[in-house]
Amino acid sequence: MRVIMSTKLFALAMVGVAGFSVLYAHEDHSSADEKAIRQALEATRRGNYDRDLEAATAMYKRAGERFLAFDIAPPLEDIGFVRAVEKSRKWYEGTVGPMIVEYNDPKIVVDHNHAYVTSHFHFAFTMRDGRKADTVGRATQVFERIDGTWTVIHEHTSLPTTVGFSWSE
């Protein structure tokens, strides 16, 4: 009985060591993945600022028809990369100058081939008639590693609301 217990404890200890090794390797790998995701967010920011639609939408492209967005502006649901690009194109056509889309302090969680990012964003632009918009909101993106590239397969954006209620009461 004592030998069997020792064997079981040894096996458990080895599983623990192996688990730690996998966890440690995953953390190292996650750092590179987080860096790649941050670079994708930055490329989107830069693309919007420069009004470069291809660069601004690159992190969504590989998702193709699997891409799903729950957006602030109608339609509230966009299915497919092509539809999302057309919506962005319309934004560009209705505005002048740089479009500011900044993801502030993104929180990134990576697990193998999927990751999610939560952040607050700053969104500002000037309409063709001179009206300016400048707001903040919340964003969540779900990334999937597709052909080795982190790709957004789902995005959900929202704006804070103060319509008819207060949490402080």
C-alpha atoms as a PDB file:
ATOM      1  CA  MET A   1       0.000   0.000   0.000  1.00  0.00           C
ATOM      2  CA  ARG A   2       2.806   2.385   0.900  1.00  0.00           C
ATOM      3  CA  VAL A   3       4.556   1.727  -2.457  1.00  0.00           C
ATOM      4  CA  ILE A   4       1.337   2.362  -4.376  1.00  0.00           C
ATOM      5  CA  MET A   5       0.778   5.650  -2.489  1.00  0.00           C
ATOM      6  CA  SER A   6       4.355   6.732  -3.165  1.00  0.00           C
ATOM      7  CA  THR A   7       3.924   5.923  -6.835  1.00  0.00           C
ATOM      8  CA  LYS A   8       0.677   7.905  -6.942  1.00  0.00           C
ATOM      9  CA  LEU A   9       2.289  10.858  -5.169  1.00  0.00           C
ATOM     10  CA  PHE A  10       5.259  10.718  -7.537  1.00  0.00           C
ATOM     11  CA  ALA A  11       2.914  10.638 -10.539  1.00  0.00           C
ATOM     12  CA  LEU A  12       0.955  13.571  -9.127  1.00  0.00           C
ATOM     13  CA  ALA A  13       4.158  15.509  -8.514  1.00  0.00           C
ATOM     14  CA  MET A  14       5.285  14.849 -12.090  1.00  0.00           C
ATOM     15  CA  VAL A  15       1.923  16.011 -13.442  1.00  0.00           C
ATOM     16  CA  GLY A  16       2.303  19.139 -11.322  1.00  0.00           C
ATOM     17  CA  VAL A  17       5.801  19.793 -12.687  1.00  0.00           C
ATOM     18  CA  ALA A  18       4.628  19.147 -16.243  1.00  0.00           C
ATOM     19  CA  GLY A  19       1.629  21.413 -15.673  1.00  0.00           C
ATOM     20  CA  PHE A  20       3.891  24.143 -14.349  1.00  0.00           C
ATOM     21  CA  SER A  21       6.156  23.756 -17.378  1.00  0.00           C
ATOM     22  CA  VAL A  22       3.220  24.016 -19.751  1.00  0.00           C
ATOM     23  CA  LEU A  23       1.868  27.018 -17.855  1.00  0.00           C
ATOM     24  CA  TYR A  24       5.258  28.693 -17.869  1.00  0.00           C
ATOM     25  CA  ALA A  25       5.725  28.063 -21.596  1.00  0.00           C
ATOM     26  CA  HIS A  26       2.184  29.333 -22.249  1.00  0.00           C
ATOM     27  CA  GLU A  27       2.929  32.548 -20.362  1.00  0.00           C
ATOM     28  CA  ASP A  28       6.051  33.125 -22.442  1.00  0.00           C
ATOM     29  CA  HIS A  29       4.046  32.394 -25.585  1.00  0.00           C
ATOM     30  CA  SER A  30       1.237  34.671 -24.389  1.00  0.00           C
ATOM     31  CA  SER A  31       3.640  37.598 -24.172  1.00  0.00           C
ATOM     32  CA  ALA A  32       4.379  37.268 -27.889  1.00  0.00           C
ATOM     33  CA  ASP A  33       0.672  36.795 -28.604  1.00  0.00           C
ATOM     34  CA  GLU A  34      -0.270  39.842 -26.539  1.00  0.00           C
ATOM     35  CA  LYS A  35       2.351  41.856 -28.396  1.00  0.00           C
ATOM     36  CA  ALA A  36       0.921  40.722 -31.758  1.00  0.00           C
ATOM     37  CA  ILE A  37      -2.607  41.656 -30.652  1.00  0.00           C
ATOM     38  CA  ARG A  38      -1.448  45.074 -29.411  1.00  0.00           C
ATOM     39  CA  GLN A  39       0.239  45.595 -32.787  1.00  0.00           C
ATOM     40  CA  ALA A  40      -3.031  44.720 -34.556  1.00  0.00           C
ATOM     41  CA  LEU A  41      -4.925  47.252 -32.422  1.00  0.00           C
ATOM     42  CA  GLU A  42      -2.267  49.882 -33.144  1.00  0.00           C
ATOM     43  CA  ALA A  43      -2.390  49.154 -36.889  1.00  0.00           C
ATOM     44  CA  THR A  44      -6.162  49.660 -36.766  1.00  0.00           C
ATOM     45  CA  ARG A  45      -5.713  52.958 -34.912  1.00  0.00           C
ATOM     46  CA  ARG A  46      -3.125  54.150 -37.415  1.00  0.00           C
ATOM     47  CA  GLY A  47      -5.196  52.978 -40.390  1.00  0.00           C
ATOM     48  CA  ASN A  48      -8.245  54.912 -39.198  1.00  0.00           C
ATOM     49  CA  TYR A  49      -6.203  58.016 -38.452  1.00  0.00           C
ATOM     50  CA  ASP A  50      -4.622  57.873 -41.936  1.00  0.00           C
ATOM     51  CA  ARG A  51      -7.996  56.991 -43.506  1.00  0.00           C
ATOM     52  CA  ASP A  52      -6.459  53.806 -44.895  1.00  0.00           C
ATOM     53  CA  LEU A  53      -9.417  51.426 -44.973  1.00  0.00           C
ATOM     54  CA  GLU A  54      -7.329  48.359 -45.793  1.00  0.00           C
ATOM     55  CA  ALA A  55      -4.991  48.941 -42.834  1.00  0.00           C
ATOM     56  CA  ALA A  56      -7.877  49.866 -40.512  1.00  0.00           C
ATOM     57  CA  THR A  57      -9.715  46.615 -41.224  1.00  0.00           C
ATOM     58  CA  ALA A  58      -6.771  44.216 -41.580  1.00  0.00           C
ATOM     59  CA  MET A  59      -7.297  42.594 -38.166  1.00  0.00           C
ATOM     60  CA  TYR A  60     -10.784  41.495 -39.275  1.00  0.00           C
ATOM     61  CA  LYS A  61     -10.058  40.354 -42.840  1.00  0.00           C
ATOM     62  CA  ARG A  62      -9.161  36.685 -42.337  1.00  0.00           C
ATOM     63  CA  ALA A  63     -12.444  36.061 -40.480  1.00  0.00           C
ATOM     64  CA  GLY A  64     -14.376  36.469 -43.739  1.00  0.00           C
ATOM     65  CA  GLU A  65     -18.035  35.585 -43.344  1.00  0.00           C
ATOM     66  CA  ARG A  66     -17.425  34.376 -39.768  1.00  0.00           C
ATOM     67  CA  PHE A  67     -16.881  37.961 -38.601  1.00  0.00           C
ATOM     68  CA  LEU A  68     -19.701  39.260 -36.402  1.00  0.00           C
ATOM     69  CA  ALA A  69     -19.934  42.776 -34.989  1.00  0.00           C
ATOM     70  CA  PHE A  70     -22.430  44.231 -32.552  1.00  0.00           C
ATOM     71  CA  ASP A  71     -21.970  47.910 -33.281  1.00  0.00           C
ATOM     72  CA  ILE A  72     -23.073  51.292 -32.012  1.00  0.00           C
ATOM     73  CA  ALA A  73     -24.295  52.587 -35.372  1.00  0.00           C
ATOM     74  CA  PRO A  74     -27.052  50.870 -37.354  1.00  0.00           C
ATOM     75  CA  PRO A  75     -27.289  48.214 -38.383  1.00  0.00           C
ATOM     76  CA  LEU A  76     -26.552  46.994 -34.887  1.00  0.00           C
ATOM     77  CA  GLU A  77     -25.332  43.631 -36.185  1.00  0.00           C
ATOM     78  CA  ASP A  78     -22.889  43.167 -39.036  1.00  0.00           C
ATOM     79  CA  ILE A  79     -22.213  39.676 -40.306  1.00  0.00           C
ATOM     80  CA  GLY A  80     -19.211  39.136 -42.523  1.00  0.00           C
ATOM     81  CA  PHE A  81     -16.070  41.076 -43.232  1.00  0.00           C
ATOM     82  CA  VAL A  82     -17.362  42.587 -46.503  1.00  0.00           C
ATOM     83  CA  ARG A  83     -20.398  44.136 -44.790  1.00  0.00           C
ATOM     84  CA  ALA A  84     -18.217  45.563 -42.012  1.00  0.00           C
ATOM     85  CA  VAL A  85     -15.834  47.104 -44.557  1.00  0.00           C
ATOM     86  CA  GLU A  86     -18.736  48.709 -46.418  1.00  0.00           C
ATOM     87  CA  LYS A  87     -19.963  50.246 -43.165  1.00  0.00           C
ATOM     88  CA  SER A  88     -16.460  51.626 -42.500  1.00  0.00           C
ATOM     89  CA  ARG A  89     -16.271  52.953 -46.064  1.00  0.00           C
ATOM     90  CA  LYS A  90     -19.514  54.885 -45.475  1.00  0.00           C
ATOM     91  CA  TRP A  91     -18.038  56.381 -42.277  1.00  0.00           C
ATOM     92  CA  TYR A  92     -14.991  57.505 -44.226  1.00  0.00           C
ATOM     93  CA  GLU A  93     -17.140  59.002 -46.996  1.00  0.00           C
ATOM     94  CA  GLY A  94     -19.179  61.017 -44.490  1.00  0.00           C
ATOM     95  CA  THR A  95     -16.172  62.444 -42.645  1.00  0.00           C
ATOM     96  CA  VAL A  96     -13.093  64.564 -43.299  1.00  0.00           C
ATOM     97  CA  GLY A  97      -9.672  64.530 -41.709  1.00  0.00           C
ATOM     98  CA  PRO A  98      -8.338  61.924 -39.349  1.00  0.00           C
ATOM     99  CA  MET A  99     -10.663  59.463 -37.670  1.00  0.00           C
ATOM    100  CA  ILE A 100      -9.533  58.759 -34.144  1.00  0.00           C
ATOM    101  CA  VAL A 101     -10.168  55.266 -32.798  1.00  0.00           C
ATOM    102  CA  GLU A 102      -7.936  54.612 -29.791  1.00  0.00           C
ATOM    103  CA  TYR A 103      -8.175  51.524 -27.592  1.00  0.00           C
ATOM    104  CA  ASN A 104      -7.139  52.690 -24.125  1.00  0.00           C
ATOM    105  CA  ASP A 105      -5.461  50.305 -21.696  1.00  0.00           C
ATOM    106  CA  PRO A 106      -6.580  47.099 -23.415  1.00  0.00           C
ATOM    107  CA  LYS A 107      -6.823  44.033 -21.182  1.00  0.00           C
ATOM    108  CA  ILE A 108      -5.742  40.989 -23.187  1.00  0.00           C
ATOM    109  CA  VAL A 109      -6.380  37.373 -22.217  1.00  0.00           C
ATOM    110  CA  VAL A 110      -4.817  34.699 -24.431  1.00  0.00           C
ATOM    111  CA  ASP A 111      -5.635  30.996 -24.359  1.00  0.00           C
ATOM    112  CA  HIS A 112      -3.951  28.975 -27.096  1.00  0.00           C
ATOM    113  CA  ASN A 113      -5.726  29.932 -30.348  1.00  0.00           C
ATOM    114  CA  HIS A 114      -8.260  32.366 -28.890  1.00  0.00           C
ATOM    115  CA  ALA A 115      -7.966  35.648 -27.053  1.00  0.00           C
ATOM    116  CA  TYR A 116     -10.241  38.393 -25.912  1.00  0.00           C
ATOM    117  CA  VAL A 117      -9.570  42.063 -25.404  1.00  0.00           C
ATOM    118  CA  THR A 118     -11.588  44.498 -23.340  1.00  0.00           C
ATOM    119  CA  SER A 119     -10.922  48.207 -23.419  1.00  0.00           C
ATOM    120  CA  HIS A 120     -12.349  51.671 -23.345  1.00  0.00           C
ATOM    121  CA  PHE A 121     -12.035  53.489 -26.622  1.00  0.00           C
ATOM    122  CA  HIS A 122     -11.878  57.085 -27.734  1.00  0.00           C
ATOM    123  CA  PHE A 123     -13.707  57.804 -30.998  1.00  0.00           C
ATOM    124  CA  ALA A 124     -13.546  61.236 -32.655  1.00  0.00           C
ATOM    125  CA  PHE A 125     -14.152  62.528 -36.165  1.00  0.00           C
ATOM    126  CA  THR A 126     -15.378  65.536 -38.151  1.00  0.00           C
ATOM    127  CA  MET A 127     -18.414  65.230 -40.416  1.00  0.00           C
ATOM    128  CA  ARG A 128     -18.258  66.732 -43.914  1.00  0.00           C
ATOM    129  CA  ASP A 129     -20.589  69.546 -42.770  1.00  0.00           C
ATOM    130  CA  GLY A 130     -18.112  70.507 -40.013  1.00  0.00           C
ATOM    131  CA  ARG A 131     -19.905  68.936 -37.040  1.00  0.00           C
ATOM    132  CA  LYS A 132     -17.533  67.192 -34.685  1.00  0.00           C
ATOM    133  CA  ALA A 133     -18.083  64.018 -32.695  1.00  0.00           C
ATOM    134  CA  ASP A 134     -15.907  63.018 -29.768  1.00  0.00           C
ATOM    135  CA  THR A 135     -16.939  60.230 -27.426  1.00  0.00           C
ATOM    136  CA  VAL A 136     -15.728  57.316 -25.378  1.00  0.00           C
ATOM    137  CA  GLY A 137     -17.108  53.813 -25.244  1.00  0.00           C
ATOM    138  CA  ARG A 138     -16.372  50.205 -24.432  1.00  0.00           C
ATOM    139  CA  ALA A 139     -15.106  47.505 -26.764  1.00  0.00           C
ATOM    140  CA  THR A 140     -14.653  43.772 -26.574  1.00  0.00           C
ATOM    141  CA  GLN A 141     -12.923  41.854 -29.323  1.00  0.00           C
ATOM    142  CA  VAL A 142     -12.629  38.093 -29.636  1.00  0.00           C
ATOM    143  CA  PHE A 143      -9.547  37.039 -31.578  1.00  0.00           C
ATOM    144  CA  GLU A 144      -8.805  33.683 -33.172  1.00  0.00           C
ATOM    145  CA  ARG A 145      -5.441  32.640 -34.541  1.00  0.00           C
ATOM    146  CA  ILE A 146      -6.169  31.956 -38.213  1.00  0.00           C
ATOM    147  CA  ASP A 147      -3.260  30.786 -40.363  1.00  0.00           C
ATOM    148  CA  GLY A 148      -0.901  32.041 -37.650  1.00  0.00           C
ATOM    149  CA  THR A 149      -2.376  35.561 -37.554  1.00  0.00           C
ATOM    150  CA  TRP A 150      -4.497  36.966 -34.728  1.00  0.00           C
ATOM    151  CA  THR A 151      -7.828  37.867 -36.330  1.00  0.00           C
ATOM    152  CA  VAL A 152     -10.923  39.478 -34.823  1.00  0.00           C
ATOM    153  CA  ILE A 153     -13.905  37.167 -35.292  1.00  0.00           C
ATOM    154  CA  HIS A 154     -16.273  39.120 -33.043  1.00  0.00           C
ATOM    155  CA  GLU A 155     -16.404  42.724 -31.871  1.00  0.00           C
ATOM    156  CA  HIS A 156     -18.903  44.382 -29.559  1.00  0.00           C
ATOM    157  CA  THR A 157     -18.894  48.137 -28.976  1.00  0.00           C
ATOM    158  CA  SER A 158     -21.143  50.177 -26.718  1.00  0.00           C
ATOM    159  CA  LEU A 159     -21.516  53.685 -25.412  1.00  0.00           C
ATOM    160  CA  PRO A 160     -22.314  54.591 -21.808  1.00  0.00           C
ATOM    161  CA  THR A 161     -25.919  55.539 -21.290  1.00  0.00           C
ATOM    162  CA  THR A 162     -27.598  57.775 -18.764  1.00  0.00           C
ATOM    163  CA  VAL A 163     -31.107  57.311 -20.105  1.00  0.00           C
ATOM    164  CA  GLY A 164     -33.689  57.362 -17.325  1.00  0.00           C
ATOM    165  CA  PHE A 165     -31.816  55.847 -14.394  1.00  0.00           C
ATOM    166  CA  SER A 166     -29.022  56.331 -11.911  1.00  0.00           C
ATOM    167  CA  TRP A 167     -27.075  53.629 -10.084  1.00  0.00           C
ATOM    168  CA  SER A 168     -26.267  56.014  -7.246  1.00  0.00           C
ATOM    169  CA  GLU A 169     -29.866  56.378  -6.035  1.00  0.00           C
END
